[in-house]
């Protein structure tokens, strides 16, 4: 979701007399956050799947796979943190839209 392009289009409409600018920008942010959350969830599922595939081999002592598992866990943890941030921003937008 490229918000800059959308914002540019909205500002052009606003200059022609459209008065829904703040609401529209909030709505665009909400949609962008929702899409990013979906993408992150898919990545988290893929990382978890790869982790589960590696795990049995790791028990056999394969050091490289253990390192990959650690890397996957770190990536997944970072995505979970981003997800929480995005969800918080999305909830703020939802509260603003309810007003």
PDB file of N, CA and C in Angstrom:
ATOM      1  N   UNK A   1       0.850  -1.164   0.000  1.00  0.00           N
ATOM      2  CA  UNK A   1       0.000   0.000   0.000  1.00  0.00           C
ATOM      3  C   UNK A   1       0.905   1.239   0.000  1.00  0.00           C
ATOM      4  N   UNK A   2       0.936   1.953  -1.085  1.00  0.00           N
ATOM      5  CA  UNK A   2       1.789   3.139  -1.167  1.00  0.00           C
ATOM      6  C   UNK A   2       0.961   4.365  -0.823  1.00  0.00           C
ATOM      7  N   UNK A   3       1.039   4.763   0.430  1.00  0.00           N
ATOM      8  CA  UNK A   3       0.215   5.869   0.917  1.00  0.00           C
ATOM      9  C   UNK A   3       0.577   7.184   0.255  1.00  0.00           C
ATOM     10  N   UNK A   4       1.834   7.401  -0.088  1.00  0.00           N
ATOM     11  CA  UNK A   4       2.236   8.677  -0.680  1.00  0.00           C
ATOM     12  C   UNK A   4       1.498   8.960  -1.976  1.00  0.00           C
ATOM     13  N   UNK A   5       1.360   7.936  -2.817  1.00  0.00           N
ATOM     14  CA  UNK A   5       0.639   8.110  -4.082  1.00  0.00           C
ATOM     15  C   UNK A   5      -0.824   8.422  -3.810  1.00  0.00           C
ATOM     16  N   UNK A   6      -1.409   7.681  -2.867  1.00  0.00           N
ATOM     17  CA  UNK A   6      -2.813   7.898  -2.541  1.00  0.00           C
ATOM     18  C   UNK A   6      -3.014   9.286  -1.942  1.00  0.00           C
ATOM     19  N   UNK A   7      -2.124   9.697  -1.037  1.00  0.00           N
ATOM     20  CA  UNK A   7      -2.234  11.021  -0.443  1.00  0.00           C
ATOM     21  C   UNK A   7      -2.162  12.111  -1.506  1.00  0.00           C
ATOM     22  N   UNK A   8      -1.255  11.968  -2.459  1.00  0.00           N
ATOM     23  CA  UNK A   8      -1.114  12.950  -3.527  1.00  0.00           C
ATOM     24  C   UNK A   8      -2.435  13.082  -4.285  1.00  0.00           C
ATOM     25  N   UNK A   9      -3.043  11.960  -4.606  1.00  0.00           N
ATOM     26  CA  UNK A   9      -4.320  11.954  -5.312  1.00  0.00           C
ATOM     27  C   UNK A   9      -5.403  12.629  -4.468  1.00  0.00           C
ATOM     28  N   UNK A  10      -5.418  12.337  -3.187  1.00  0.00           N
ATOM     29  CA  UNK A  10      -6.430  12.922  -2.304  1.00  0.00           C
ATOM     30  C   UNK A  10      -6.249  14.432  -2.198  1.00  0.00           C
ATOM     31  N   UNK A  11      -4.997  14.886  -2.068  1.00  0.00           N
ATOM     32  CA  UNK A  11      -4.766  16.318  -1.976  1.00  0.00           C
ATOM     33  C   UNK A  11      -5.195  17.023  -3.259  1.00  0.00           C
ATOM     34  N   UNK A  12      -5.022  16.370  -4.400  1.00  0.00           N
ATOM     35  CA  UNK A  12      -5.494  16.956  -5.658  1.00  0.00           C
ATOM     36  C   UNK A  12      -7.009  17.098  -5.631  1.00  0.00           C
ATOM     37  N   UNK A  13      -7.694  16.057  -5.134  1.00  0.00           N
ATOM     38  CA  UNK A  13      -9.151  16.131  -5.025  1.00  0.00           C
ATOM     39  C   UNK A  13      -9.555  17.217  -4.033  1.00  0.00           C
ATOM     40  N   UNK A  14      -8.817  17.319  -2.935  1.00  0.00           N
ATOM     41  CA  UNK A  14      -9.127  18.303  -1.902  1.00  0.00           C
ATOM     42  C   UNK A  14      -9.023  19.723  -2.456  1.00  0.00           C
ATOM     43  N   UNK A  15      -8.056  19.959  -3.298  1.00  0.00           N
ATOM     44  CA  UNK A  15      -7.885  21.300  -3.862  1.00  0.00           C
ATOM     45  C   UNK A  15      -9.039  21.666  -4.786  1.00  0.00           C
ATOM     46  N   UNK A  16      -9.783  20.642  -5.238  1.00  0.00           N
ATOM     47  CA  UNK A  16     -10.945  20.903  -6.107  1.00  0.00           C
ATOM     48  C   UNK A  16     -12.241  21.026  -5.295  1.00  0.00           C
ATOM     49  N   UNK A  17     -12.120  20.970  -3.958  1.00  0.00           N
ATOM     50  CA  UNK A  17     -13.319  21.210  -3.145  1.00  0.00           C
ATOM     51  C   UNK A  17     -13.823  20.013  -2.374  1.00  0.00           C
ATOM     52  N   UNK A  18     -13.118  18.900  -2.365  1.00  0.00           N
ATOM     53  CA  UNK A  18     -13.562  17.751  -1.582  1.00  0.00           C
ATOM     54  C   UNK A  18     -13.235  18.023  -0.119  1.00  0.00           C
ATOM     55  N   UNK A  19     -14.193  17.820   0.770  1.00  0.00           N
ATOM     56  CA  UNK A  19     -14.014  18.182   2.177  1.00  0.00           C
ATOM     57  C   UNK A  19     -13.827  16.966   3.087  1.00  0.00           C
ATOM     58  N   UNK A  20     -13.583  15.811   2.543  1.00  0.00           N
ATOM     59  CA  UNK A  20     -13.445  14.599   3.349  1.00  0.00           C
ATOM     60  C   UNK A  20     -11.990  14.213   3.565  1.00  0.00           C
ATOM     61  N   UNK A  21     -11.083  15.138   3.418  1.00  0.00           N
ATOM     62  CA  UNK A  21      -9.650  14.843   3.469  1.00  0.00           C
ATOM     63  C   UNK A  21      -9.211  14.126   4.741  1.00  0.00           C
ATOM     64  N   UNK A  22      -9.444  14.649   5.958  1.00  0.00           N
ATOM     65  CA  UNK A  22      -8.943  13.967   7.158  1.00  0.00           C
ATOM     66  C   UNK A  22      -9.508  12.567   7.305  1.00  0.00           C
ATOM     67  N   UNK A  23     -10.786  12.403   7.094  1.00  0.00           N
ATOM     68  CA  UNK A  23     -11.411  11.084   7.201  1.00  0.00           C
ATOM     69  C   UNK A  23     -10.816  10.125   6.179  1.00  0.00           C
ATOM     70  N   UNK A  24     -10.611  10.575   4.968  1.00  0.00           N
ATOM     71  CA  UNK A  24     -10.072   9.735   3.903  1.00  0.00           C
ATOM     72  C   UNK A  24      -8.655   9.282   4.224  1.00  0.00           C
ATOM     73  N   UNK A  25      -7.839  10.188   4.748  1.00  0.00           N
ATOM     74  CA  UNK A  25      -6.467   9.830   5.096  1.00  0.00           C
ATOM     75  C   UNK A  25      -6.468   8.800   6.215  1.00  0.00           C
ATOM     76  N   UNK A  26      -7.316   8.981   7.209  1.00  0.00           N
ATOM     77  CA  UNK A  26      -7.414   8.009   8.302  1.00  0.00           C
ATOM     78  C   UNK A  26      -7.839   6.658   7.758  1.00  0.00           C
ATOM     79  N   UNK A  27      -8.796   6.653   6.867  1.00  0.00           N
ATOM     80  CA  UNK A  27      -9.278   5.402   6.284  1.00  0.00           C
ATOM     81  C   UNK A  27      -8.180   4.711   5.473  1.00  0.00           C
ATOM     82  N   UNK A  28      -7.409   5.481   4.727  1.00  0.00           N
ATOM     83  CA  UNK A  28      -6.308   4.917   3.947  1.00  0.00           C
ATOM     84  C   UNK A  28      -5.267   4.302   4.875  1.00  0.00           C
ATOM     85  N   UNK A  29      -4.937   5.003   5.964  1.00  0.00           N
ATOM     86  CA  UNK A  29      -3.999   4.447   6.940  1.00  0.00           C
ATOM     87  C   UNK A  29      -4.512   3.123   7.491  1.00  0.00           C
ATOM     88  N   UNK A  30      -5.794   3.084   7.820  1.00  0.00           N
ATOM     89  CA  UNK A  30      -6.397   1.860   8.368  1.00  0.00           C
ATOM     90  C   UNK A  30      -6.247   0.707   7.379  1.00  0.00           C
ATOM     91  N   UNK A  31      -6.540   0.970   6.117  1.00  0.00           N
ATOM     92  CA  UNK A  31      -6.430  -0.077   5.087  1.00  0.00           C
ATOM     93  C   UNK A  31      -4.973  -0.520   4.945  1.00  0.00           C
ATOM     94  N   UNK A  32      -4.052   0.428   4.925  1.00  0.00           N
ATOM     95  CA  UNK A  32      -2.629   0.080   4.795  1.00  0.00           C
ATOM     96  C   UNK A  32      -2.152  -0.747   5.979  1.00  0.00           C
ATOM     97  N   UNK A  33      -2.544  -0.361   7.192  1.00  0.00           N
ATOM     98  CA  UNK A  33      -2.153  -1.139   8.366  1.00  0.00           C
ATOM     99  C   UNK A  33      -2.740  -2.540   8.300  1.00  0.00           C
ATOM    100  N   UNK A  34      -3.991  -2.647   7.873  1.00  0.00           N
ATOM    101  CA  UNK A  34      -4.635  -3.959   7.767  1.00  0.00           C
ATOM    102  C   UNK A  34      -3.896  -4.855   6.779  1.00  0.00           C
ATOM    103  N   UNK A  35      -3.510  -4.294   5.637  1.00  0.00           N
ATOM    104  CA  UNK A  35      -2.778  -5.068   4.639  1.00  0.00           C
ATOM    105  C   UNK A  35      -1.411  -5.506   5.165  1.00  0.00           C
ATOM    106  N   UNK A  36      -0.727  -4.611   5.880  1.00  0.00           N
ATOM    107  CA  UNK A  36       0.586  -4.950   6.431  1.00  0.00           C
ATOM    108  C   UNK A  36       0.454  -6.052   7.478  1.00  0.00           C
ATOM    109  N   UNK A  37      -0.604  -5.999   8.282  1.00  0.00           N
ATOM    110  CA  UNK A  37      -0.848  -7.046   9.280  1.00  0.00           C
ATOM    111  C   UNK A  37      -1.060  -8.384   8.588  1.00  0.00           C
ATOM    112  N   UNK A  38      -1.841  -8.404   7.516  1.00  0.00           N
ATOM    113  CA  UNK A  38      -2.066  -9.649   6.767  1.00  0.00           C
ATOM    114  C   UNK A  38      -0.757 -10.202   6.207  1.00  0.00           C
ATOM    115  N   UNK A  39       0.046  -9.325   5.621  1.00  0.00           N
ATOM    116  CA  UNK A  39       1.336  -9.761   5.061  1.00  0.00           C
ATOM    117  C   UNK A  39       2.238 -10.320   6.150  1.00  0.00           C
ATOM    118  N   UNK A  40       2.293  -9.633   7.292  1.00  0.00           N
ATOM    119  CA  UNK A  40       3.116 -10.115   8.394  1.00  0.00           C
ATOM    120  C   UNK A  40       2.626 -11.462   8.913  1.00  0.00           C
ATOM    121  N   UNK A  41       1.311 -11.637   9.005  1.00  0.00           N
ATOM    122  CA  UNK A  41       0.769 -12.922   9.456  1.00  0.00           C
ATOM    123  C   UNK A  41       1.187 -14.050   8.510  1.00  0.00           C
ATOM    124  N   UNK A  42       1.154 -13.791   7.223  1.00  0.00           N
ATOM    125  CA  UNK A  42       1.585 -14.809   6.261  1.00  0.00           C
ATOM    126  C   UNK A  42       3.062 -15.137   6.436  1.00  0.00           C
ATOM    127  N   UNK A  43       3.879 -14.109   6.644  1.00  0.00           N
ATOM    128  CA  UNK A  43       5.312 -14.337   6.855  1.00  0.00           C
ATOM    129  C   UNK A  43       5.552 -15.124   8.135  1.00  0.00           C
ATOM    130  N   UNK A  44       4.829 -14.780   9.187  1.00  0.00           N
ATOM    131  CA  UNK A  44       4.960 -15.509  10.457  1.00  0.00           C
ATOM    132  C   UNK A  44       4.589 -16.973  10.267  1.00  0.00           C
ATOM    133  N   UNK A  45       3.514 -17.240   9.540  1.00  0.00           N
ATOM    134  CA  UNK A  45       3.117 -18.641   9.275  1.00  0.00           C
ATOM    135  C   UNK A  45       4.201 -19.378   8.496  1.00  0.00           C
ATOM    136  N   UNK A  46       4.780 -18.713   7.495  1.00  0.00           N
ATOM    137  CA  UNK A  46       5.845 -19.347   6.712  1.00  0.00           C
ATOM    138  C   UNK A  46       7.073 -19.624   7.565  1.00  0.00           C
ATOM    139  N   UNK A  47       7.461 -18.668   8.410  1.00  0.00           N
ATOM    140  CA  UNK A  47       8.611 -18.865   9.282  1.00  0.00           C
ATOM    141  C   UNK A  47       8.361 -20.013  10.267  1.00  0.00           C
ATOM    142  N   UNK A  48       7.153 -20.065  10.797  1.00  0.00           N
ATOM    143  CA  UNK A  48       6.806 -21.132  11.735  1.00  0.00           C
ATOM    144  C   UNK A  48       6.839 -22.485  11.035  1.00  0.00           C
ATOM    145  N   UNK A  49       6.337 -22.540   9.803  1.00  0.00           N
ATOM    146  CA  UNK A  49       6.365 -23.789   9.035  1.00  0.00           C
ATOM    147  C   UNK A  49       7.786 -24.248   8.764  1.00  0.00           C
ATOM    148  N   UNK A  50       8.645 -23.306   8.378  1.00  0.00           N
ATOM    149  CA  UNK A  50      10.039 -23.659   8.120  1.00  0.00           C
ATOM    150  C   UNK A  50      10.714 -24.125   9.406  1.00  0.00           C
ATOM    151  N   UNK A  51      10.413 -23.465  10.505  1.00  0.00           N
ATOM    152  CA  UNK A  51      10.974 -23.841  11.802  1.00  0.00           C
ATOM    153  C   UNK A  51      10.590 -25.288  12.143  1.00  0.00           C
ATOM    154  N   UNK A  52       9.323 -25.607  11.936  1.00  0.00           N
ATOM    155  CA  UNK A  52       8.847 -26.960  12.266  1.00  0.00           C
ATOM    156  C   UNK A  52       9.495 -28.013  11.376  1.00  0.00           C
ATOM    157  N   UNK A  53       9.809 -27.654  10.128  1.00  0.00           N
ATOM    158  CA  UNK A  53      10.475 -28.604   9.233  1.00  0.00           C
ATOM    159  C   UNK A  53      11.913 -28.860   9.681  1.00  0.00           C
ATOM    160  N   UNK A  54      12.567 -27.833  10.189  1.00  0.00           N
ATOM    161  CA  UNK A  54      13.965 -27.943  10.593  1.00  0.00           C
ATOM    162  C   UNK A  54      14.097 -28.646  11.938  1.00  0.00           C
ATOM    163  N   UNK A  55      13.147 -28.460  12.812  1.00  0.00           N
ATOM    164  CA  UNK A  55      13.246 -28.921  14.195  1.00  0.00           C
ATOM    165  C   UNK A  55      13.631 -30.392  14.350  1.00  0.00           C
ATOM    166  N   UNK A  56      13.015 -31.337  13.631  1.00  0.00           N
ATOM    167  CA  UNK A  56      13.410 -32.743  13.818  1.00  0.00           C
ATOM    168  C   UNK A  56      14.882 -33.004  13.464  1.00  0.00           C
ATOM    169  N   UNK A  57      15.373 -32.404  12.384  1.00  0.00           N
ATOM    170  CA  UNK A  57      16.769 -32.589  11.999  1.00  0.00           C
ATOM    171  C   UNK A  57      17.711 -31.987  13.027  1.00  0.00           C
ATOM    172  N   UNK A  58      17.248 -30.922  13.673  1.00  0.00           N
ATOM    173  CA  UNK A  58      18.098 -30.237  14.642  1.00  0.00           C
ATOM    174  C   UNK A  58      18.395 -31.136  15.830  1.00  0.00           C
ATOM    175  N   UNK A  59      17.449 -31.964  16.189  1.00  0.00           N
ATOM    176  CA  UNK A  59      17.646 -32.885  17.305  1.00  0.00           C
ATOM    177  C   UNK A  59      18.756 -33.882  17.017  1.00  0.00           C
ATOM    178  N   UNK A  60      19.040 -34.078  15.760  1.00  0.00           N
ATOM    179  CA  UNK A  60      20.107 -34.996  15.380  1.00  0.00           C
ATOM    180  C   UNK A  60      21.468 -34.314  15.429  1.00  0.00           C
ATOM    181  N   UNK A  61      21.514 -33.045  15.829  1.00  0.00           N
ATOM    182  CA  UNK A  61      22.780 -32.356  16.034  1.00  0.00           C
ATOM    183  C   UNK A  61      23.281 -31.550  14.856  1.00  0.00           C
ATOM    184  N   UNK A  62      22.447 -31.137  13.975  1.00  0.00           N
ATOM    185  CA  UNK A  62      22.875 -30.365  12.818  1.00  0.00           C
ATOM    186  C   UNK A  62      22.989 -28.896  13.226  1.00  0.00           C
ATOM    187  N   UNK A  63      24.204 -28.438  13.439  1.00  0.00           N
ATOM    188  CA  UNK A  63      24.453 -27.089  13.968  1.00  0.00           C
ATOM    189  C   UNK A  63      23.928 -25.984  13.040  1.00  0.00           C
ATOM    190  N   UNK A  64      24.098 -26.124  11.742  1.00  0.00           N
ATOM    191  CA  UNK A  64      23.648 -25.076  10.811  1.00  0.00           C
ATOM    192  C   UNK A  64      22.132 -24.899  10.887  1.00  0.00           C
ATOM    193  N   UNK A  65      21.443 -26.005  11.048  1.00  0.00           N
ATOM    194  CA  UNK A  65      19.987 -25.909  11.138  1.00  0.00           C
ATOM    195  C   UNK A  65      19.560 -25.263  12.460  1.00  0.00           C
ATOM    196  N   UNK A  66      20.310 -25.525  13.506  1.00  0.00           N
ATOM    197  CA  UNK A  66      20.019 -24.878  14.779  1.00  0.00           C
ATOM    198  C   UNK A  66      20.193 -23.364  14.662  1.00  0.00           C
ATOM    199  N   UNK A  67      21.231 -22.943  13.976  1.00  0.00           N
ATOM    200  CA  UNK A  67      21.445 -21.508  13.772  1.00  0.00           C
ATOM    201  C   UNK A  67      20.308 -20.899  12.956  1.00  0.00           C
ATOM    202  N   UNK A  68      19.859 -21.636  11.947  1.00  0.00           N
ATOM    203  CA  UNK A  68      18.735 -21.148  11.136  1.00  0.00           C
ATOM    204  C   UNK A  68      17.477 -21.038  11.993  1.00  0.00           C
ATOM    205  N   UNK A  69      17.276 -21.996  12.870  1.00  0.00           N
ATOM    206  CA  UNK A  69      16.113 -21.950  13.753  1.00  0.00           C
ATOM    207  C   UNK A  69      16.173 -20.706  14.640  1.00  0.00           C
ATOM    208  N   UNK A  70      17.350 -20.394  15.163  1.00  0.00           N
ATOM    209  CA  UNK A  70      17.498 -19.201  15.993  1.00  0.00           C
ATOM    210  C   UNK A  70      17.174 -17.949  15.181  1.00  0.00           C
ATOM    211  N   UNK A  71      17.650 -17.933  13.947  1.00  0.00           N
ATOM    212  CA  UNK A  71      17.385 -16.789  13.069  1.00  0.00           C
ATOM    213  C   UNK A  71      15.885 -16.661  12.793  1.00  0.00           C
ATOM    214  N   UNK A  72      15.230 -17.796  12.531  1.00  0.00           N
ATOM    215  CA  UNK A  72      13.787 -17.777  12.280  1.00  0.00           C
ATOM    216  C   UNK A  72      13.024 -17.259  13.496  1.00  0.00           C
ATOM    217  N   UNK A  73      13.440 -17.709  14.674  1.00  0.00           N
ATOM    218  CA  UNK A  73      12.786 -17.253  15.900  1.00  0.00           C
ATOM    219  C   UNK A  73      12.946 -15.746  16.074  1.00  0.00           C
ATOM    220  N   UNK A  74      14.116 -15.252  15.783  1.00  0.00           N
ATOM    221  CA  UNK A  74      14.375 -13.817  15.907  1.00  0.00           C
ATOM    222  C   UNK A  74      13.520 -13.030  14.909  1.00  0.00           C
ATOM    223  N   UNK A  75      13.462 -13.503  13.663  1.00  0.00           N
ATOM    224  CA  UNK A  75      12.643 -12.830  12.646  1.00  0.00           C
ATOM    225  C   UNK A  75      11.178 -12.832  13.048  1.00  0.00           C
ATOM    226  N   UNK A  76      10.722 -13.985  13.546  1.00  0.00           N
ATOM    227  CA  UNK A  76       9.323 -14.114  13.943  1.00  0.00           C
ATOM    228  C   UNK A  76       9.018 -13.192  15.122  1.00  0.00           C
ATOM    229  N   UNK A  77       9.926 -13.114  16.086  1.00  0.00           N
ATOM    230  CA  UNK A  77       9.745 -12.240  17.245  1.00  0.00           C
ATOM    231  C   UNK A  77       9.644 -10.786  16.803  1.00  0.00           C
ATOM    232  N   UNK A  78      10.522 -10.375  15.883  1.00  0.00           N
ATOM    233  CA  UNK A  78      10.474  -9.005  15.369  1.00  0.00           C
ATOM    234  C   UNK A  78       9.151  -8.717  14.667  1.00  0.00           C
ATOM    235  N   UNK A  79       8.662  -9.692  13.905  1.00  0.00           N
ATOM    236  CA  UNK A  79       7.377  -9.505  13.216  1.00  0.00           C
ATOM    237  C   UNK A  79       6.226  -9.412  14.219  1.00  0.00           C
ATOM    238  N   UNK A  80       6.280 -10.231  15.269  1.00  0.00           N
ATOM    239  CA  UNK A  80       5.240 -10.142  16.298  1.00  0.00           C
ATOM    240  C   UNK A  80       5.224  -8.750  16.931  1.00  0.00           C
ATOM    241  N   UNK A  81       6.402  -8.187  17.175  1.00  0.00           N
ATOM    242  CA  UNK A  81       6.474  -6.846  17.741  1.00  0.00           C
ATOM    243  C   UNK A  81       5.898  -5.815  16.767  1.00  0.00           C
ATOM    244  N   UNK A  82       6.226  -5.956  15.483  1.00  0.00           N
ATOM    245  CA  UNK A  82       5.672  -5.045  14.478  1.00  0.00           C
ATOM    246  C   UNK A  82       4.156  -5.191  14.411  1.00  0.00           C
ATOM    247  N   UNK A  83       3.688  -6.460  14.501  1.00  0.00           N
ATOM    248  CA  UNK A  83       2.247  -6.703  14.463  1.00  0.00           C
ATOM    249  C   UNK A  83       1.556  -5.967  15.604  1.00  0.00           C
ATOM    250  N   UNK A  84       2.110  -6.055  16.795  1.00  0.00           N
ATOM    251  CA  UNK A  84       1.499  -5.380  17.938  1.00  0.00           C
ATOM    252  C   UNK A  84       1.469  -3.874  17.735  1.00  0.00           C
ATOM    253  N   UNK A  85       2.538  -3.308  17.195  1.00  0.00           N
ATOM    254  CA  UNK A  85       2.565  -1.874  16.906  1.00  0.00           C
ATOM    255  C   UNK A  85       1.509  -1.500  15.874  1.00  0.00           C
ATOM    256  N   UNK A  86       1.436  -2.286  14.795  1.00  0.00           N
ATOM    257  CA  UNK A  86       0.452  -2.003  13.743  1.00  0.00           C
ATOM    258  C   UNK A  86      -0.975  -2.135  14.269  1.00  0.00           C
ATOM    259  N   UNK A  87      -1.222  -3.161  15.075  1.00  0.00           N
ATOM    260  CA  UNK A  87      -2.564  -3.350  15.627  1.00  0.00           C
ATOM    261  C   UNK A  87      -2.935  -2.176  16.526  1.00  0.00           C
ATOM    262  N   UNK A  88      -1.962  -1.685  17.295  1.00  0.00           N
ATOM    263  CA  UNK A  88      -2.226  -0.521  18.141  1.00  0.00           C
ATOM    264  C   UNK A  88      -2.569   0.709  17.322  1.00  0.00           C
ATOM    265  N   UNK A  89      -1.830   0.939  16.249  1.00  0.00           N
ATOM    266  CA  UNK A  89      -2.110   2.080  15.373  1.00  0.00           C
ATOM    267  C   UNK A  89      -3.468   1.924  14.699  1.00  0.00           C
ATOM    268  N   UNK A  90      -3.772   0.693  14.297  1.00  0.00           N
ATOM    269  CA  UNK A  90      -5.052   0.422  13.647  1.00  0.00           C
ATOM    270  C   UNK A  90      -6.206   0.664  14.624  1.00  0.00           C
ATOM    271  N   UNK A  91      -6.031   0.246  15.880  1.00  0.00           N
ATOM    272  CA  UNK A  91      -7.081   0.474  16.880  1.00  0.00           C
ATOM    273  C   UNK A  91      -7.283   1.957  17.152  1.00  0.00           C
ATOM    274  N   UNK A  92      -6.199   2.730  17.151  1.00  0.00           N
ATOM    275  CA  UNK A  92      -6.334   4.176  17.329  1.00  0.00           C
ATOM    276  C   UNK A  92      -7.157   4.781  16.198  1.00  0.00           C
ATOM    277  N   UNK A  93      -6.900   4.316  14.994  1.00  0.00           N
ATOM    278  CA  UNK A  93      -7.660   4.813  13.830  1.00  0.00           C
ATOM    279  C   UNK A  93      -9.124   4.419  13.967  1.00  0.00           C
ATOM    280  N   UNK A  94      -9.376   3.173  14.386  1.00  0.00           N
ATOM    281  CA  UNK A  94     -10.760   2.722  14.543  1.00  0.00           C
ATOM    282  C   UNK A  94     -11.489   3.564  15.588  1.00  0.00           C
ATOM    283  N   UNK A  95     -10.806   3.891  16.692  1.00  0.00           N
ATOM    284  CA  UNK A  95     -11.425   4.738  17.717  1.00  0.00           C
ATOM    285  C   UNK A  95     -11.723   6.127  17.149  1.00  0.00           C
ATOM    286  N   UNK A  96     -10.801   6.653  16.346  1.00  0.00           N
ATOM    287  CA  UNK A  96     -11.012   7.978  15.753  1.00  0.00           C
ATOM    288  C   UNK A  96     -12.192   7.953  14.781  1.00  0.00           C
ATOM    289  N   UNK A  97     -12.357   6.841  14.067  1.00  0.00           N
ATOM    290  CA  UNK A  97     -13.456   6.737  13.108  1.00  0.00           C
ATOM    291  C   UNK A  97     -14.804   6.612  13.818  1.00  0.00           C
ATOM    292  N   UNK A  98     -14.802   6.082  15.037  1.00  0.00           N
ATOM    293  CA  UNK A  98     -16.055   5.904  15.781  1.00  0.00           C
ATOM    294  C   UNK A  98     -16.596   7.233  16.312  1.00  0.00           C
ATOM    295  N   UNK A  99     -15.734   8.238  16.390  1.00  0.00           N
ATOM    296  CA  UNK A  99     -16.164   9.536  16.946  1.00  0.00           C
ATOM    297  C   UNK A  99     -17.070  10.273  16.040  1.00  0.00           C
TER     298      UNK A  99
END
